[in-house]
Amino acid sequence: MEVRWNPRSGTQRIIAASAAVTTPTASNDSAQLPDSFLHYEPTYQALICKKHGYAIIGLSTHLRDRHSIPAKVRKAIVEKYNGYALLNPKDVPLPPSFGLPFEFLAGPMEAFLCDDKACKFISKNRDNIRKHCNKTHDWKSTKNDRDHWTSVKVQTFFTGGGLERYFIVRVPEDQGTQRADDNSDSERFITTTLSA
């Protein structure tokens, strides 16, 4: 048995395990259009917009508001992806730490990981990680312990609306990353086991 999430309506339905995913075809080029800017990630059951670098929650709304796609074409695209298994954002599992970055997600971005081994708190904001370490772990900056966090590279499937859940990725030294936003108030916990 499989639970499928409809990106258009936000509802879930139960599908028998033997039911195959069917992809409706359209009589015009609209059936090929989504493949140029949408990517389905089957392991994490998320539909990613390549142009914007994040997983989509409401496909029809995203196509209308972010890509200005006409209603007829939008309907064909939504029908094409309607049969794909998509998880609610909070249920999308986090990838293992220090894996390679996802090609179609934005980033990697610089962030800060709390040094407390059991904590796993990540923030893109240096002031927030400092406050976290001070309040949660009673840490105070000293000459020998200036920072109680480590700089890491992260990505997230979802952005905005409190849906960000950062996970650590391994980035070669010569690959560029987005800088942590010292003014951002975004912060999230990771729930994966850290291993080098």
Protein backbone atom coordinates (compact mmCIF):
# COMPACT_ATOMS: atom_id res chain seq x y z
CA MET A 1 0.00 0.00 0.00
CA GLU A 2 1.26 3.49 -0.81
CA VAL A 3 0.08 6.94 0.22
CA ARG A 4 0.22 9.56 -2.53
CA TRP A 5 0.04 13.27 -1.97
CA ASN A 6 -1.71 15.37 -4.61
CA PRO A 7 0.37 18.55 -5.14
CA ARG A 8 -2.59 20.39 -6.63
CA SER A 9 -5.08 19.86 -3.82
CA GLY A 10 -2.78 18.94 -0.93
CA THR A 11 -4.82 15.79 -0.25
CA GLN A 12 -3.58 12.25 0.24
CA ARG A 13 -4.94 9.01 -1.16
CA ILE A 14 -4.08 5.36 -0.60
CA ILE A 15 -3.00 3.32 -3.61
CA ALA A 16 -2.72 -0.47 -3.75
CA ALA A 17 0.89 -1.65 -3.91
CA SER A 18 0.31 -3.24 -7.33
CA ALA A 19 -0.98 -0.02 -8.94
CA ALA A 20 1.51 1.37 -11.43
CA VAL A 21 2.28 5.06 -11.85
CA THR A 22 0.69 6.21 -15.06
CA THR A 23 1.78 9.31 -16.87
CA PRO A 24 -0.96 10.91 -18.93
CA THR A 25 0.13 12.09 -22.34
CA ALA A 26 -0.89 15.34 -23.95
CA SER A 27 -1.45 15.89 -27.63
CA ASN A 28 0.83 18.92 -27.75
CA ASP A 29 4.34 19.80 -26.56
CA SER A 30 3.13 20.54 -23.02
CA ALA A 31 3.87 16.95 -21.98
CA GLN A 32 7.58 17.49 -22.74
CA LEU A 33 7.71 20.99 -21.21
CA PRO A 34 7.94 20.00 -17.52
CA ASP A 35 10.97 17.77 -18.05
CA SER A 36 13.03 20.85 -18.90
CA PHE A 37 12.47 22.49 -15.52
CA LEU A 38 11.01 19.83 -13.19
CA HIS A 39 12.85 16.90 -11.64
CA TYR A 40 11.20 14.09 -9.66
CA GLU A 41 13.43 12.75 -6.87
CA PRO A 42 12.05 9.23 -6.25
CA THR A 43 14.15 8.42 -3.17
CA TYR A 44 12.75 11.43 -1.32
CA GLN A 45 9.42 11.59 -3.20
CA ALA A 46 9.81 15.28 -3.97
CA LEU A 47 9.23 17.27 -7.16
CA ILE A 48 11.99 19.84 -7.60
CA CYS A 49 11.86 22.98 -9.72
CA LYS A 50 15.27 23.14 -11.40
CA LYS A 51 14.98 26.87 -12.06
CA HIS A 52 14.22 27.83 -8.45
CA GLY A 53 16.20 25.07 -6.71
CA TYR A 54 13.60 23.77 -4.28
CA ALA A 55 10.86 21.15 -3.99
CA ILE A 56 7.39 22.27 -5.00
CA ILE A 57 4.42 22.08 -2.66
CA GLY A 58 1.55 23.24 -4.90
CA LEU A 59 2.46 22.44 -8.49
CA SER A 60 -0.37 24.31 -10.23
CA THR A 61 0.15 27.44 -8.14
CA HIS A 62 3.91 27.28 -8.65
CA LEU A 63 3.50 26.96 -12.42
CA ARG A 64 1.06 29.87 -12.50
CA ASP A 65 2.83 32.25 -10.13
CA ARG A 66 6.50 31.45 -10.71
CA HIS A 67 6.54 30.45 -14.39
CA SER A 68 3.44 32.22 -15.81
CA ILE A 69 2.35 29.06 -17.62
CA PRO A 70 -1.09 29.27 -19.28
CA ALA A 71 -3.95 27.29 -17.70
CA LYS A 72 -4.24 24.67 -20.48
CA VAL A 73 -0.53 23.82 -20.40
CA ARG A 74 -0.50 24.00 -16.60
CA LYS A 75 -3.35 21.48 -16.44
CA ALA A 76 -1.44 19.01 -18.67
CA ILE A 77 1.68 19.33 -16.52
CA VAL A 78 -0.27 18.83 -13.28
CA GLU A 79 -1.97 15.76 -14.79
CA LYS A 80 1.41 14.35 -15.80
CA TYR A 81 2.75 14.57 -12.24
CA ASN A 82 -0.53 13.82 -10.45
CA GLY A 83 0.25 10.08 -10.28
CA TYR A 84 3.71 10.52 -8.78
CA ALA A 85 4.14 9.66 -5.11
CA LEU A 86 4.92 12.91 -3.28
CA LEU A 87 5.41 13.26 0.46
CA ASN A 88 4.24 16.13 2.60
CA PRO A 89 7.21 18.42 3.25
CA LYS A 90 7.49 17.43 6.93
CA ASP A 91 7.63 13.74 5.94
CA VAL A 92 10.41 14.03 3.35
CA PRO A 93 13.37 12.21 4.91
CA LEU A 94 16.65 14.04 5.24
CA PRO A 95 19.55 12.63 3.25
CA PRO A 96 22.53 11.21 5.16
CA SER A 97 25.04 13.85 6.25
CA PHE A 98 28.09 14.56 4.13
CA GLY A 99 26.63 13.12 0.95
CA LEU A 100 27.10 14.82 -2.39
CA PRO A 101 24.92 17.88 -3.05
CA PHE A 102 21.69 17.44 -5.01
CA GLU A 103 22.21 18.80 -8.50
CA PHE A 104 18.83 20.50 -8.77
CA LEU A 105 18.59 22.02 -5.29
CA ALA A 106 19.92 25.50 -4.55
CA GLY A 107 23.17 25.85 -2.74
CA PRO A 108 25.14 24.44 -1.16
CA MET A 109 25.01 27.23 1.40
CA GLU A 110 27.31 28.01 4.29
CA ALA A 111 25.78 27.34 7.70
CA PHE A 112 26.85 26.65 11.28
CA LEU A 113 26.52 23.32 13.13
CA CYS A 114 26.52 23.27 16.94
CA ASP A 115 29.63 21.44 18.21
CA ASP A 116 27.66 19.57 20.87
CA LYS A 117 27.67 16.03 19.43
CA ALA A 118 24.12 15.21 20.55
CA CYS A 119 22.61 18.54 19.48
CA LYS A 120 22.61 18.66 15.65
CA PHE A 121 21.33 22.26 15.59
CA ILE A 122 22.06 24.13 12.35
CA SER A 123 21.62 27.83 11.60
CA LYS A 124 22.57 29.96 8.64
CA ASN A 125 22.86 32.90 11.01
CA ARG A 126 26.04 33.30 13.12
CA ASP A 127 24.23 35.33 15.80
CA ASN A 128 21.53 32.66 16.16
CA ILE A 129 24.05 29.82 16.50
CA ARG A 130 25.91 31.85 19.14
CA LYS A 131 22.67 32.46 21.07
CA HIS A 132 21.73 28.79 20.77
CA CYS A 133 25.11 27.62 22.13
CA ASN A 134 24.95 30.14 24.97
CA LYS A 135 21.36 29.43 26.01
CA THR A 136 21.12 25.68 25.35
CA HIS A 137 24.65 24.60 26.32
CA ASP A 138 25.64 27.41 28.71
CA TRP A 139 28.65 28.12 26.48
CA LYS A 140 30.62 31.33 26.81
CA SER A 141 33.26 32.49 24.36
CA THR A 142 36.76 32.21 25.78
CA LYS A 143 40.24 32.73 24.41
CA ASN A 144 40.60 28.97 23.88
CA ASP A 145 37.01 28.36 22.70
CA ARG A 146 36.04 31.31 20.49
CA ASP A 147 33.31 29.44 18.61
CA HIS A 148 31.20 26.51 19.75
CA TRP A 149 30.15 25.61 16.22
CA THR A 150 31.58 24.36 12.95
CA SER A 151 31.05 25.81 9.48
CA VAL A 152 29.29 23.34 7.19
CA LYS A 153 27.70 23.32 3.74
CA VAL A 154 23.97 22.60 3.65
CA GLN A 155 20.99 22.24 1.33
CA THR A 156 17.25 22.03 1.94
CA PHE A 157 14.39 20.61 -0.11
CA PHE A 158 11.89 23.29 0.91
CA THR A 159 12.26 27.02 1.47
CA GLY A 160 10.08 29.46 3.35
CA GLY A 161 7.03 28.91 5.49
CA GLY A 162 9.01 27.23 8.24
CA LEU A 163 9.61 24.17 6.05
CA GLU A 164 13.41 24.52 5.83
CA ARG A 165 15.22 21.48 7.20
CA TYR A 166 18.91 21.74 6.41
CA PHE A 167 21.12 18.75 5.78
CA ILE A 168 24.90 18.75 5.52
CA VAL A 169 26.52 18.05 2.15
CA ARG A 170 30.11 17.37 1.14
CA VAL A 171 31.47 20.01 -1.24
CA PRO A 172 34.87 19.92 -2.93
CA GLU A 173 37.05 22.85 -1.83
CA ASP A 174 37.05 24.47 -5.27
CA GLN A 175 33.25 24.45 -5.67
CA GLY A 176 31.56 27.72 -4.77
CA THR A 177 28.86 27.96 -2.12
CA GLN A 178 26.35 30.53 -1.06
CA ARG A 179 27.49 32.44 2.01
CA ALA A 180 25.65 32.15 5.29
CA ASP A 181 23.38 35.10 5.88
CA ASP A 182 24.56 36.83 9.03
CA ASN A 183 21.24 38.70 9.11
CA SER A 184 18.99 35.71 8.43
CA ASP A 185 16.85 34.33 11.19
CA SER A 186 16.48 30.94 9.48
CA GLU A 187 17.54 28.02 11.59
CA ARG A 188 16.56 24.40 11.70
CA PHE A 189 17.49 21.15 13.35
CA ILE A 190 18.87 18.27 11.37
CA THR A 191 17.85 14.77 12.29
CA THR A 192 20.51 12.70 10.60
CA THR A 193 23.46 11.02 12.25
CA LEU A 194 26.69 12.86 11.70
CA SER A 195 29.62 10.81 10.43
CA ALA A 196 32.79 11.82 8.67
